[in-house]
């Protein structure tokens, strides 16, 4: 019984810390994406301007890709027309990628 209880407590702890460690999409965007995309998503950062990053608040940009396409970019990265990596893959789970896409969608004007 004591072993079972210990195992259950370990499981509860692991699940609890995983949930706590997983930030919401807006918080993750601020930490992982805003450096290039800007906190407002307009890409008016030095890196955003240098790389020609699209304005995530623009309705045309928002409509130009599906959530699944954005999730793939987040998880696998994005290469420009010249084949060079423009955006590296993010070290996030598929659920966190979905949360990031939701945060990006919320930037729409």
PDB file of N, CA and C in Angstrom:
ATOM      1  N   UNK A   1       0.816  -1.194   0.000  1.00  0.00           N
ATOM      2  CA  UNK A   1       0.000   0.000   0.000  1.00  0.00           C
ATOM      3  C   UNK A   1       0.865   1.265   0.000  1.00  0.00           C
ATOM      4  N   UNK A   2       1.927   1.227   0.787  1.00  0.00           N
ATOM      5  CA  UNK A   2       2.806   2.389   0.872  1.00  0.00           C
ATOM      6  C   UNK A   2       3.467   2.664  -0.487  1.00  0.00           C
ATOM      7  N   UNK A   3       3.864   1.605  -1.208  1.00  0.00           N
ATOM      8  CA  UNK A   3       4.472   1.744  -2.527  1.00  0.00           C
ATOM      9  C   UNK A   3       3.477   2.347  -3.511  1.00  0.00           C
ATOM     10  N   UNK A   4       2.243   1.884  -3.456  1.00  0.00           N
ATOM     11  CA  UNK A   4       1.201   2.413  -4.322  1.00  0.00           C
ATOM     12  C   UNK A   4       0.986   3.902  -4.044  1.00  0.00           C
ATOM     13  N   UNK A   5       0.907   4.257  -2.771  1.00  0.00           N
ATOM     14  CA  UNK A   5       0.711   5.650  -2.383  1.00  0.00           C
ATOM     15  C   UNK A   5       1.872   6.515  -2.874  1.00  0.00           C
ATOM     16  N   UNK A   6       3.087   6.019  -2.697  1.00  0.00           N
ATOM     17  CA  UNK A   6       4.270   6.766  -3.149  1.00  0.00           C
ATOM     18  C   UNK A   6       4.257   6.953  -4.664  1.00  0.00           C
ATOM     19  N   UNK A   7       3.880   5.899  -5.375  1.00  0.00           N
ATOM     20  CA  UNK A   7       3.806   5.990  -6.835  1.00  0.00           C
ATOM     21  C   UNK A   7       2.743   6.990  -7.262  1.00  0.00           C
ATOM     22  N   UNK A   8       1.613   6.979  -6.604  1.00  0.00           N
ATOM     23  CA  UNK A   8       0.535   7.924  -6.938  1.00  0.00           C
ATOM     24  C   UNK A   8       0.966   9.352  -6.646  1.00  0.00           C
ATOM     25  N   UNK A   9       1.649   9.572  -5.544  1.00  0.00           N
ATOM     26  CA  UNK A   9       2.118  10.925  -5.205  1.00  0.00           C
ATOM     27  C   UNK A   9       3.143  11.405  -6.243  1.00  0.00           C
ATOM     28  N   UNK A  10       4.018  10.504  -6.676  1.00  0.00           N
ATOM     29  CA  UNK A  10       5.002  10.868  -7.694  1.00  0.00           C
ATOM     30  C   UNK A  10       4.311  11.241  -9.005  1.00  0.00           C
ATOM     31  N   UNK A  11       3.285  10.489  -9.365  1.00  0.00           N
ATOM     32  CA  UNK A  11       2.538  10.770 -10.588  1.00  0.00           C
ATOM     33  C   UNK A  11       1.831  12.119 -10.497  1.00  0.00           C
ATOM     34  N   UNK A  12       1.180  12.369  -9.376  1.00  0.00           N
ATOM     35  CA  UNK A  12       0.482  13.648  -9.177  1.00  0.00           C
ATOM     36  C   UNK A  12       1.484  14.800  -9.240  1.00  0.00           C
ATOM     37  N   UNK A  13       2.633  14.637  -8.618  1.00  0.00           N
ATOM     38  CA  UNK A  13       3.660  15.674  -8.648  1.00  0.00           C
ATOM     39  C   UNK A  13       4.138  15.925 -10.073  1.00  0.00           C
ATOM     40  N   UNK A  14       4.417  14.844 -10.795  1.00  0.00           N
ATOM     41  CA  UNK A  14       4.908  14.975 -12.174  1.00  0.00           C
ATOM     42  C   UNK A  14       3.880  15.663 -13.055  1.00  0.00           C
ATOM     43  N   UNK A  15       2.628  15.270 -12.938  1.00  0.00           N
ATOM     44  CA  UNK A  15       1.583  15.894 -13.750  1.00  0.00           C
ATOM     45  C   UNK A  15       1.390  17.352 -13.360  1.00  0.00           C
ATOM     46  N   UNK A  16       1.457  17.633 -12.100  1.00  0.00           N
ATOM     47  CA  UNK A  16       1.284  19.004 -11.621  1.00  0.00           C
ATOM     48  C   UNK A  16       2.390  19.918 -12.082  1.00  0.00           C
ATOM     49  N   UNK A  17       3.637  19.452 -12.013  1.00  0.00           N
ATOM     50  CA  UNK A  17       4.742  20.305 -12.446  1.00  0.00           C
ATOM     51  C   UNK A  17       4.765  20.458 -13.957  1.00  0.00           C
ATOM     52  N   UNK A  18       4.351  19.431 -14.688  1.00  0.00           N
ATOM     53  CA  UNK A  18       4.287  19.556 -16.149  1.00  0.00           C
ATOM     54  C   UNK A  18       3.263  20.606 -16.528  1.00  0.00           C
ATOM     55  N   UNK A  19       2.118  20.609 -15.861  1.00  0.00           N
ATOM     56  CA  UNK A  19       1.086  21.596 -16.134  1.00  0.00           C
ATOM     57  C   UNK A  19       1.526  22.990 -15.752  1.00  0.00           C
ATOM     58  N   UNK A  20       2.227  23.091 -14.634  1.00  0.00           N
ATOM     59  CA  UNK A  20       2.685  24.398 -14.178  1.00  0.00           C
ATOM     60  C   UNK A  20       3.779  24.934 -15.089  1.00  0.00           C
ATOM     61  N   UNK A  21       4.634  24.035 -15.584  1.00  0.00           N
ATOM     62  CA  UNK A  21       5.738  24.460 -16.444  1.00  0.00           C
ATOM     63  C   UNK A  21       5.242  24.897 -17.810  1.00  0.00           C
ATOM     64  N   UNK A  22       4.108  24.368 -18.233  1.00  0.00           N
ATOM     65  CA  UNK A  22       3.567  24.698 -19.547  1.00  0.00           C
ATOM     66  C   UNK A  22       2.855  26.041 -19.442  1.00  0.00           C
ATOM     67  N   UNK A  23       3.448  27.041 -20.011  1.00  0.00           N
ATOM     68  CA  UNK A  23       2.869  28.377 -19.945  1.00  0.00           C
ATOM     69  C   UNK A  23       1.747  28.511 -20.962  1.00  0.00           C
ATOM     70  N   UNK A  24       0.901  29.495 -20.763  1.00  0.00           N
ATOM     71  CA  UNK A  24      -0.121  29.718 -21.779  1.00  0.00           C
ATOM     72  C   UNK A  24       0.535  30.319 -23.020  1.00  0.00           C
ATOM     73  N   UNK A  25      -0.183  30.302 -24.117  1.00  0.00           N
ATOM     74  CA  UNK A  25       0.387  30.732 -25.390  1.00  0.00           C
ATOM     75  C   UNK A  25       0.885  32.160 -25.404  1.00  0.00           C
ATOM     76  N   UNK A  26       0.153  33.057 -24.755  1.00  0.00           N
ATOM     77  CA  UNK A  26       0.552  34.466 -24.743  1.00  0.00           C
ATOM     78  C   UNK A  26       1.862  34.642 -23.991  1.00  0.00           C
ATOM     79  N   UNK A  27       2.000  33.956 -22.875  1.00  0.00           N
ATOM     80  CA  UNK A  27       3.234  34.043 -22.099  1.00  0.00           C
ATOM     81  C   UNK A  27       4.401  33.447 -22.886  1.00  0.00           C
ATOM     82  N   UNK A  28       4.170  32.296 -23.524  1.00  0.00           N
ATOM     83  CA  UNK A  28       5.221  31.683 -24.338  1.00  0.00           C
ATOM     84  C   UNK A  28       5.607  32.590 -25.497  1.00  0.00           C
ATOM     85  N   UNK A  29       4.621  33.221 -26.139  1.00  0.00           N
ATOM     86  CA  UNK A  29       4.911  34.133 -27.245  1.00  0.00           C
ATOM     87  C   UNK A  29       5.842  35.236 -26.762  1.00  0.00           C
ATOM     88  N   UNK A  30       5.532  35.795 -25.602  1.00  0.00           N
ATOM     89  CA  UNK A  30       6.374  36.854 -25.053  1.00  0.00           C
ATOM     90  C   UNK A  30       7.799  36.407 -24.808  1.00  0.00           C
ATOM     91  N   UNK A  31       7.963  35.166 -24.375  1.00  0.00           N
ATOM     92  CA  UNK A  31       9.294  34.655 -24.052  1.00  0.00           C
ATOM     93  C   UNK A  31      10.043  34.114 -25.262  1.00  0.00           C
ATOM     94  N   UNK A  32       9.341  33.457 -26.174  1.00  0.00           N
ATOM     95  CA  UNK A  32      10.011  32.734 -27.253  1.00  0.00           C
ATOM     96  C   UNK A  32       9.936  33.425 -28.614  1.00  0.00           C
ATOM     97  N   UNK A  33       8.961  34.281 -28.812  1.00  0.00           N
ATOM     98  CA  UNK A  33       8.704  34.808 -30.157  1.00  0.00           C
ATOM     99  C   UNK A  33       8.877  36.323 -30.278  1.00  0.00           C
ATOM    100  N   UNK A  34       8.624  37.030 -29.188  1.00  0.00           N
ATOM    101  CA  UNK A  34       8.600  38.493 -29.241  1.00  0.00           C
ATOM    102  C   UNK A  34       9.940  39.104 -29.623  1.00  0.00           C
ATOM    103  N   UNK A  35      11.026  38.406 -29.399  1.00  0.00           N
ATOM    104  CA  UNK A  35      12.339  38.938 -29.766  1.00  0.00           C
ATOM    105  C   UNK A  35      12.437  39.268 -31.246  1.00  0.00           C
ATOM    106  N   UNK A  36      11.784  38.487 -32.064  1.00  0.00           N
ATOM    107  CA  UNK A  36      11.786  38.732 -33.513  1.00  0.00           C
ATOM    108  C   UNK A  36      10.450  39.308 -33.983  1.00  0.00           C
ATOM    109  N   UNK A  37       9.357  38.731 -33.508  1.00  0.00           N
ATOM    110  CA  UNK A  37       8.031  39.134 -33.969  1.00  0.00           C
ATOM    111  C   UNK A  37       7.493  40.372 -33.254  1.00  0.00           C
ATOM    112  N   UNK A  38       8.126  40.777 -32.149  1.00  0.00           N
ATOM    113  CA  UNK A  38       7.650  41.898 -31.365  1.00  0.00           C
ATOM    114  C   UNK A  38       6.506  41.473 -30.453  1.00  0.00           C
ATOM    115  N   UNK A  39       6.398  42.105 -29.306  1.00  0.00           N
ATOM    116  CA  UNK A  39       5.330  41.753 -28.362  1.00  0.00           C
ATOM    117  C   UNK A  39       3.955  41.957 -28.967  1.00  0.00           C
ATOM    118  N   UNK A  40       3.853  42.912 -29.892  1.00  0.00           N
ATOM    119  CA  UNK A  40       2.568  43.191 -30.534  1.00  0.00           C
ATOM    120  C   UNK A  40       2.372  42.390 -31.829  1.00  0.00           C
ATOM    121  N   UNK A  41       3.392  41.616 -32.232  1.00  0.00           N
ATOM    122  CA  UNK A  41       3.293  40.785 -33.431  1.00  0.00           C
ATOM    123  C   UNK A  41       3.553  41.509 -34.730  1.00  0.00           C
ATOM    124  N   UNK A  42       3.910  42.784 -34.674  1.00  0.00           N
ATOM    125  CA  UNK A  42       4.087  43.569 -35.898  1.00  0.00           C
ATOM    126  C   UNK A  42       5.473  43.442 -36.516  1.00  0.00           C
ATOM    127  N   UNK A  43       6.370  42.721 -35.860  1.00  0.00           N
ATOM    128  CA  UNK A  43       7.724  42.447 -36.362  1.00  0.00           C
ATOM    129  C   UNK A  43       8.547  43.703 -36.578  1.00  0.00           C
ATOM    130  N   UNK A  44       8.328  44.710 -35.774  1.00  0.00           N
ATOM    131  CA  UNK A  44       9.088  45.944 -35.899  1.00  0.00           C
ATOM    132  C   UNK A  44      10.312  45.944 -34.992  1.00  0.00           C
ATOM    133  N   UNK A  45      10.872  44.762 -34.770  1.00  0.00           N
ATOM    134  CA  UNK A  45      12.112  44.616 -34.022  1.00  0.00           C
ATOM    135  C   UNK A  45      13.270  44.678 -35.011  1.00  0.00           C
ATOM    136  N   UNK A  46      14.480  44.817 -34.508  1.00  0.00           N
ATOM    137  CA  UNK A  46      15.618  44.860 -35.428  1.00  0.00           C
ATOM    138  C   UNK A  46      15.722  43.552 -36.221  1.00  0.00           C
ATOM    139  N   UNK A  47      15.510  42.419 -35.562  1.00  0.00           N
ATOM    140  CA  UNK A  47      15.573  41.132 -36.262  1.00  0.00           C
ATOM    141  C   UNK A  47      14.384  40.970 -37.201  1.00  0.00           C
ATOM    142  N   UNK A  48      13.224  41.417 -36.771  1.00  0.00           N
ATOM    143  CA  UNK A  48      12.036  41.338 -37.625  1.00  0.00           C
ATOM    144  C   UNK A  48      12.214  42.117 -38.916  1.00  0.00           C
ATOM    145  N   UNK A  49      12.794  43.293 -38.792  1.00  0.00           N
ATOM    146  CA  UNK A  49      13.047  44.121 -39.975  1.00  0.00           C
ATOM    147  C   UNK A  49      14.131  43.501 -40.854  1.00  0.00           C
ATOM    148  N   UNK A  50      15.192  43.003 -40.222  1.00  0.00           N
ATOM    149  CA  UNK A  50      16.305  42.413 -40.967  1.00  0.00           C
ATOM    150  C   UNK A  50      15.850  41.208 -41.785  1.00  0.00           C
ATOM    151  N   UNK A  51      14.991  40.387 -41.199  1.00  0.00           N
ATOM    152  CA  UNK A  51      14.543  39.161 -41.866  1.00  0.00           C
ATOM    153  C   UNK A  51      13.269  39.338 -42.687  1.00  0.00           C
ATOM    154  N   UNK A  52      12.683  40.522 -42.637  1.00  0.00           N
ATOM    155  CA  UNK A  52      11.446  40.756 -43.382  1.00  0.00           C
ATOM    156  C   UNK A  52      10.286  39.920 -42.859  1.00  0.00           C
ATOM    157  N   UNK A  53      10.222  39.786 -41.551  1.00  0.00           N
ATOM    158  CA  UNK A  53       9.164  38.977 -40.926  1.00  0.00           C
ATOM    159  C   UNK A  53       7.820  39.665 -41.127  1.00  0.00           C
ATOM    160  N   UNK A  54       6.821  38.862 -41.422  1.00  0.00           N
ATOM    161  CA  UNK A  54       5.483  39.397 -41.684  1.00  0.00           C
ATOM    162  C   UNK A  54       4.803  39.869 -40.404  1.00  0.00           C
ATOM    163  N   UNK A  55       3.945  40.851 -40.568  1.00  0.00           N
ATOM    164  CA  UNK A  55       3.153  41.429 -39.484  1.00  0.00           C
ATOM    165  C   UNK A  55       2.022  40.462 -39.127  1.00  0.00           C
ATOM    166  N   UNK A  56       2.094  39.848 -37.950  1.00  0.00           N
ATOM    167  CA  UNK A  56       1.080  38.872 -37.542  1.00  0.00           C
ATOM    168  C   UNK A  56      -0.270  39.509 -37.226  1.00  0.00           C
ATOM    169  N   UNK A  57      -0.330  40.836 -37.173  1.00  0.00           N
ATOM    170  CA  UNK A  57      -1.616  41.493 -36.936  1.00  0.00           C
ATOM    171  C   UNK A  57      -2.377  41.729 -38.236  1.00  0.00           C
ATOM    172  N   UNK A  58      -1.698  41.569 -39.360  1.00  0.00           N
ATOM    173  CA  UNK A  58      -2.297  41.804 -40.680  1.00  0.00           C
ATOM    174  C   UNK A  58      -3.292  40.691 -41.024  1.00  0.00           C
ATOM    175  N   UNK A  59      -4.506  41.076 -41.371  1.00  0.00           N
ATOM    176  CA  UNK A  59      -5.552  40.103 -41.698  1.00  0.00           C
ATOM    177  C   UNK A  59      -5.154  39.199 -42.861  1.00  0.00           C
ATOM    178  N   UNK A  60      -4.419  39.737 -43.838  1.00  0.00           N
ATOM    179  CA  UNK A  60      -3.978  38.920 -44.977  1.00  0.00           C
ATOM    180  C   UNK A  60      -2.981  37.852 -44.533  1.00  0.00           C
ATOM    181  N   UNK A  61      -2.097  38.208 -43.632  1.00  0.00           N
ATOM    182  CA  UNK A  61      -1.132  37.235 -43.098  1.00  0.00           C
ATOM    183  C   UNK A  61      -1.880  36.174 -42.299  1.00  0.00           C
ATOM    184  N   UNK A  62      -2.828  36.618 -41.506  1.00  0.00           N
ATOM    185  CA  UNK A  62      -3.625  35.690 -40.694  1.00  0.00           C
ATOM    186  C   UNK A  62      -4.385  34.701 -41.585  1.00  0.00           C
ATOM    187  N   UNK A  63      -4.936  35.202 -42.676  1.00  0.00           N
ATOM    188  CA  UNK A  63      -5.739  34.349 -43.563  1.00  0.00           C
ATOM    189  C   UNK A  63      -4.864  33.499 -44.497  1.00  0.00           C
ATOM    190  N   UNK A  64      -3.603  33.848 -44.613  1.00  0.00           N
ATOM    191  CA  UNK A  64      -2.722  33.194 -45.574  1.00  0.00           C
ATOM    192  C   UNK A  64      -2.231  31.808 -45.191  1.00  0.00           C
ATOM    193  N   UNK A  65      -2.443  31.401 -43.952  1.00  0.00           N
ATOM    194  CA  UNK A  65      -1.980  30.087 -43.508  1.00  0.00           C
ATOM    195  C   UNK A  65      -2.983  29.482 -42.532  1.00  0.00           C
ATOM    196  N   UNK A  66      -3.032  28.175 -42.525  1.00  0.00           N
ATOM    197  CA  UNK A  66      -3.908  27.474 -41.586  1.00  0.00           C
ATOM    198  C   UNK A  66      -3.186  27.317 -40.247  1.00  0.00           C
ATOM    199  N   UNK A  67      -3.947  26.990 -39.227  1.00  0.00           N
ATOM    200  CA  UNK A  67      -3.349  26.722 -37.922  1.00  0.00           C
ATOM    201  C   UNK A  67      -2.340  25.580 -38.031  1.00  0.00           C
ATOM    202  N   UNK A  68      -2.696  24.550 -38.785  1.00  0.00           N
ATOM    203  CA  UNK A  68      -1.800  23.393 -38.943  1.00  0.00           C
ATOM    204  C   UNK A  68      -0.474  23.813 -39.589  1.00  0.00           C
ATOM    205  N   UNK A  69      -0.519  24.722 -40.549  1.00  0.00           N
ATOM    206  CA  UNK A  69       0.709  25.200 -41.188  1.00  0.00           C
ATOM    207  C   UNK A  69       1.565  25.969 -40.192  1.00  0.00           C
ATOM    208  N   UNK A  70       0.944  26.799 -39.380  1.00  0.00           N
ATOM    209  CA  UNK A  70       1.686  27.556 -38.372  1.00  0.00           C
ATOM    210  C   UNK A  70       2.267  26.628 -37.323  1.00  0.00           C
ATOM    211  N   UNK A  71       1.500  25.623 -36.922  1.00  0.00           N
ATOM    212  CA  UNK A  71       2.012  24.654 -35.951  1.00  0.00           C
ATOM    213  C   UNK A  71       3.246  23.956 -36.503  1.00  0.00           C
ATOM    214  N   UNK A  72       3.202  23.580 -37.772  1.00  0.00           N
ATOM    215  CA  UNK A  72       4.341  22.915 -38.410  1.00  0.00           C
ATOM    216  C   UNK A  72       5.561  23.825 -38.416  1.00  0.00           C
ATOM    217  N   UNK A  73       5.370  25.082 -38.725  1.00  0.00           N
ATOM    218  CA  UNK A  73       6.473  26.042 -38.728  1.00  0.00           C
ATOM    219  C   UNK A  73       7.068  26.164 -37.331  1.00  0.00           C
ATOM    220  N   UNK A  74       6.211  26.242 -36.334  1.00  0.00           N
ATOM    221  CA  UNK A  74       6.683  26.355 -34.946  1.00  0.00           C
ATOM    222  C   UNK A  74       7.500  25.120 -34.569  1.00  0.00           C
ATOM    223  N   UNK A  75       7.007  23.956 -34.927  1.00  0.00           N
ATOM    224  CA  UNK A  75       7.652  22.702 -34.524  1.00  0.00           C
ATOM    225  C   UNK A  75       8.864  22.329 -35.373  1.00  0.00           C
ATOM    226  N   UNK A  76       8.861  22.710 -36.662  1.00  0.00           N
ATOM    227  CA  UNK A  76       9.926  22.290 -37.571  1.00  0.00           C
ATOM    228  C   UNK A  76      10.817  23.426 -38.063  1.00  0.00           C
ATOM    229  N   UNK A  77      10.409  24.660 -37.837  1.00  0.00           N
ATOM    230  CA  UNK A  77      11.162  25.796 -38.326  1.00  0.00           C
ATOM    231  C   UNK A  77      10.694  26.201 -39.716  1.00  0.00           C
ATOM    232  N   UNK A  78      11.309  27.264 -40.249  1.00  0.00           N
ATOM    233  CA  UNK A  78      10.889  27.791 -41.549  1.00  0.00           C
ATOM    234  C   UNK A  78      12.116  28.231 -42.335  1.00  0.00           C
ATOM    235  N   UNK A  79      12.188  27.780 -43.580  1.00  0.00           N
ATOM    236  CA  UNK A  79      13.276  28.175 -44.479  1.00  0.00           C
ATOM    237  C   UNK A  79      12.757  29.203 -45.469  1.00  0.00           C
ATOM    238  N   UNK A  80      13.578  30.195 -45.746  1.00  0.00           N
ATOM    239  CA  UNK A  80      13.231  31.215 -46.717  1.00  0.00           C
ATOM    240  C   UNK A  80      13.360  30.687 -48.136  1.00  0.00           C
ATOM    241  N   UNK A  81      13.072  31.533 -49.098  1.00  0.00           N
ATOM    242  CA  UNK A  81      13.129  31.159 -50.507  1.00  0.00           C
ATOM    243  C   UNK A  81      14.526  30.701 -50.923  1.00  0.00           C
ATOM    244  N   UNK A  82      15.549  31.215 -50.235  1.00  0.00           N
ATOM    245  CA  UNK A  82      16.923  30.834 -50.558  1.00  0.00           C
ATOM    246  C   UNK A  82      17.352  29.521 -49.894  1.00  0.00           C
ATOM    247  N   UNK A  83      16.432  28.911 -49.135  1.00  0.00           N
ATOM    248  CA  UNK A  83      16.722  27.635 -48.484  1.00  0.00           C
ATOM    249  C   UNK A  83      17.376  27.760 -47.123  1.00  0.00           C
ATOM    250  N   UNK A  84      17.671  28.983 -46.716  1.00  0.00           N
ATOM    251  CA  UNK A  84      18.284  29.194 -45.398  1.00  0.00           C
ATOM    252  C   UNK A  84      17.206  29.228 -44.317  1.00  0.00           C
ATOM    253  N   UNK A  85      17.560  28.693 -43.154  1.00  0.00           N
ATOM    254  CA  UNK A  85      16.633  28.681 -42.028  1.00  0.00           C
ATOM    255  C   UNK A  85      16.404  30.110 -41.549  1.00  0.00           C
ATOM    256  N   UNK A  86      15.164  30.554 -41.604  1.00  0.00           N
ATOM    257  CA  UNK A  86      14.792  31.888 -41.171  1.00  0.00           C
ATOM    258  C   UNK A  86      14.299  31.843 -39.726  1.00  0.00           C
ATOM    259  N   UNK A  87      13.491  30.839 -39.436  1.00  0.00           N
ATOM    260  CA  UNK A  87      12.975  30.669 -38.081  1.00  0.00           C
ATOM    261  C   UNK A  87      13.307  29.251 -37.625  1.00  0.00           C
ATOM    262  N   UNK A  88      14.086  29.133 -36.565  1.00  0.00           N
ATOM    263  CA  UNK A  88      14.413  27.794 -36.090  1.00  0.00           C
ATOM    264  C   UNK A  88      13.198  27.119 -35.457  1.00  0.00           C
ATOM    265  N   UNK A  89      13.232  25.803 -35.404  1.00  0.00           N
ATOM    266  CA  UNK A  89      12.169  25.054 -34.730  1.00  0.00           C
ATOM    267  C   UNK A  89      12.156  25.442 -33.257  1.00  0.00           C
ATOM    268  N   UNK A  90      10.975  25.556 -32.704  1.00  0.00           N
ATOM    269  CA  UNK A  90      10.835  25.877 -31.286  1.00  0.00           C
ATOM    270  C   UNK A  90      10.844  24.582 -30.491  1.00  0.00           C
ATOM    271  N   UNK A  91      11.434  24.607 -29.346  1.00  0.00           N
ATOM    272  CA  UNK A  91      11.464  23.428 -28.471  1.00  0.00           C
ATOM    273  C   UNK A  91      10.235  23.463 -27.591  1.00  0.00           C
ATOM    274  N   UNK A  92       9.101  23.110 -28.206  1.00  0.00           N
ATOM    275  CA  UNK A  92       7.818  23.072 -27.513  1.00  0.00           C
ATOM    276  C   UNK A  92       7.086  21.791 -27.898  1.00  0.00           C
ATOM    277  N   UNK A  93       6.106  21.431 -27.088  1.00  0.00           N
ATOM    278  CA  UNK A  93       5.285  20.262 -27.390  1.00  0.00           C
ATOM    279  C   UNK A  93       4.245  20.636 -28.443  1.00  0.00           C
ATOM    280  N   UNK A  94       3.615  19.648 -29.068  1.00  0.00           N
ATOM    281  CA  UNK A  94       2.538  19.955 -30.016  1.00  0.00           C
ATOM    282  C   UNK A  94       1.410  20.771 -29.376  1.00  0.00           C
ATOM    283  N   UNK A  95       1.069  20.493 -28.119  1.00  0.00           N
ATOM    284  CA  UNK A  95       0.035  21.281 -27.441  1.00  0.00           C
ATOM    285  C   UNK A  95       0.485  22.716 -27.225  1.00  0.00           C
ATOM    286  N   UNK A  96       1.751  22.898 -26.907  1.00  0.00           N
ATOM    287  CA  UNK A  96       2.273  24.253 -26.738  1.00  0.00           C
ATOM    288  C   UNK A  96       2.302  24.985 -28.075  1.00  0.00           C
ATOM    289  N   UNK A  97       2.578  24.274 -29.156  1.00  0.00           N
ATOM    290  CA  UNK A  97       2.545  24.886 -30.490  1.00  0.00           C
ATOM    291  C   UNK A  97       1.127  25.369 -30.794  1.00  0.00           C
ATOM    292  N   UNK A  98       0.132  24.569 -30.448  1.00  0.00           N
ATOM    293  CA  UNK A  98      -1.268  24.982 -30.646  1.00  0.00           C
ATOM    294  C   UNK A  98      -1.570  26.246 -29.838  1.00  0.00           C
ATOM    295  N   UNK A  99      -1.060  26.299 -28.607  1.00  0.00           N
ATOM    296  CA  UNK A  99      -1.274  27.474 -27.763  1.00  0.00           C
ATOM    297  C   UNK A  99      -0.591  28.703 -28.363  1.00  0.00           C
ATOM    298  N   UNK A 100       0.595  28.513 -28.949  1.00  0.00           N
ATOM    299  CA  UNK A 100       1.277  29.629 -29.599  1.00  0.00           C
ATOM    300  C   UNK A 100       0.502  30.117 -30.814  1.00  0.00           C
ATOM    301  N   UNK A 101      -0.047  29.187 -31.586  1.00  0.00           N
ATOM    302  CA  UNK A 101      -0.852  29.586 -32.744  1.00  0.00           C
ATOM    303  C   UNK A 101      -2.071  30.379 -32.271  1.00  0.00           C
ATOM    304  N   UNK A 102      -2.698  29.932 -31.221  1.00  0.00           N
ATOM    305  CA  UNK A 102      -3.862  30.651 -30.673  1.00  0.00           C
ATOM    306  C   UNK A 102      -3.455  32.067 -30.260  1.00  0.00           C
ATOM    307  N   UNK A 103      -2.284  32.193 -29.640  1.00  0.00           N
ATOM    308  CA  UNK A 103      -1.790  33.524 -29.257  1.00  0.00           C
ATOM    309  C   UNK A 103      -1.548  34.378 -30.503  1.00  0.00           C
ATOM    310  N   UNK A 104      -0.966  33.781 -31.544  1.00  0.00           N
ATOM    311  CA  UNK A 104      -0.722  34.528 -32.790  1.00  0.00           C
ATOM    312  C   UNK A 104      -2.040  34.951 -33.427  1.00  0.00           C
ATOM    313  N   UNK A 105      -3.018  34.080 -33.412  1.00  0.00           N
ATOM    314  CA  UNK A 105      -4.334  34.409 -33.984  1.00  0.00           C
ATOM    315  C   UNK A 105      -4.995  35.549 -33.214  1.00  0.00           C
ATOM    316  N   UNK A 106      -4.719  35.650 -31.934  1.00  0.00           N
ATOM    317  CA  UNK A 106      -5.335  36.707 -31.124  1.00  0.00           C
ATOM    318  C   UNK A 106      -4.761  38.086 -31.452  1.00  0.00           C
ATOM    319  N   UNK A 107      -3.673  38.135 -32.204  1.00  0.00           N
ATOM    320  CA  UNK A 107      -3.044  39.405 -32.570  1.00  0.00           C
ATOM    321  C   UNK A 107      -3.734  40.095 -33.738  1.00  0.00           C
ATOM    322  N   UNK A 108      -4.609  39.373 -34.420  1.00  0.00           N
ATOM    323  CA  UNK A 108      -5.286  39.908 -35.610  1.00  0.00           C
ATOM    324  C   UNK A 108      -5.989  41.214 -35.279  1.00  0.00           C
ATOM    325  N   UNK A 109      -5.838  42.183 -36.180  1.00  0.00           N
ATOM    326  CA  UNK A 109      -6.491  43.500 -36.015  1.00  0.00           C
ATOM    327  C   UNK A 109      -7.982  43.365 -36.023  1.00  0.00           C
TER     328      UNK A 109
END
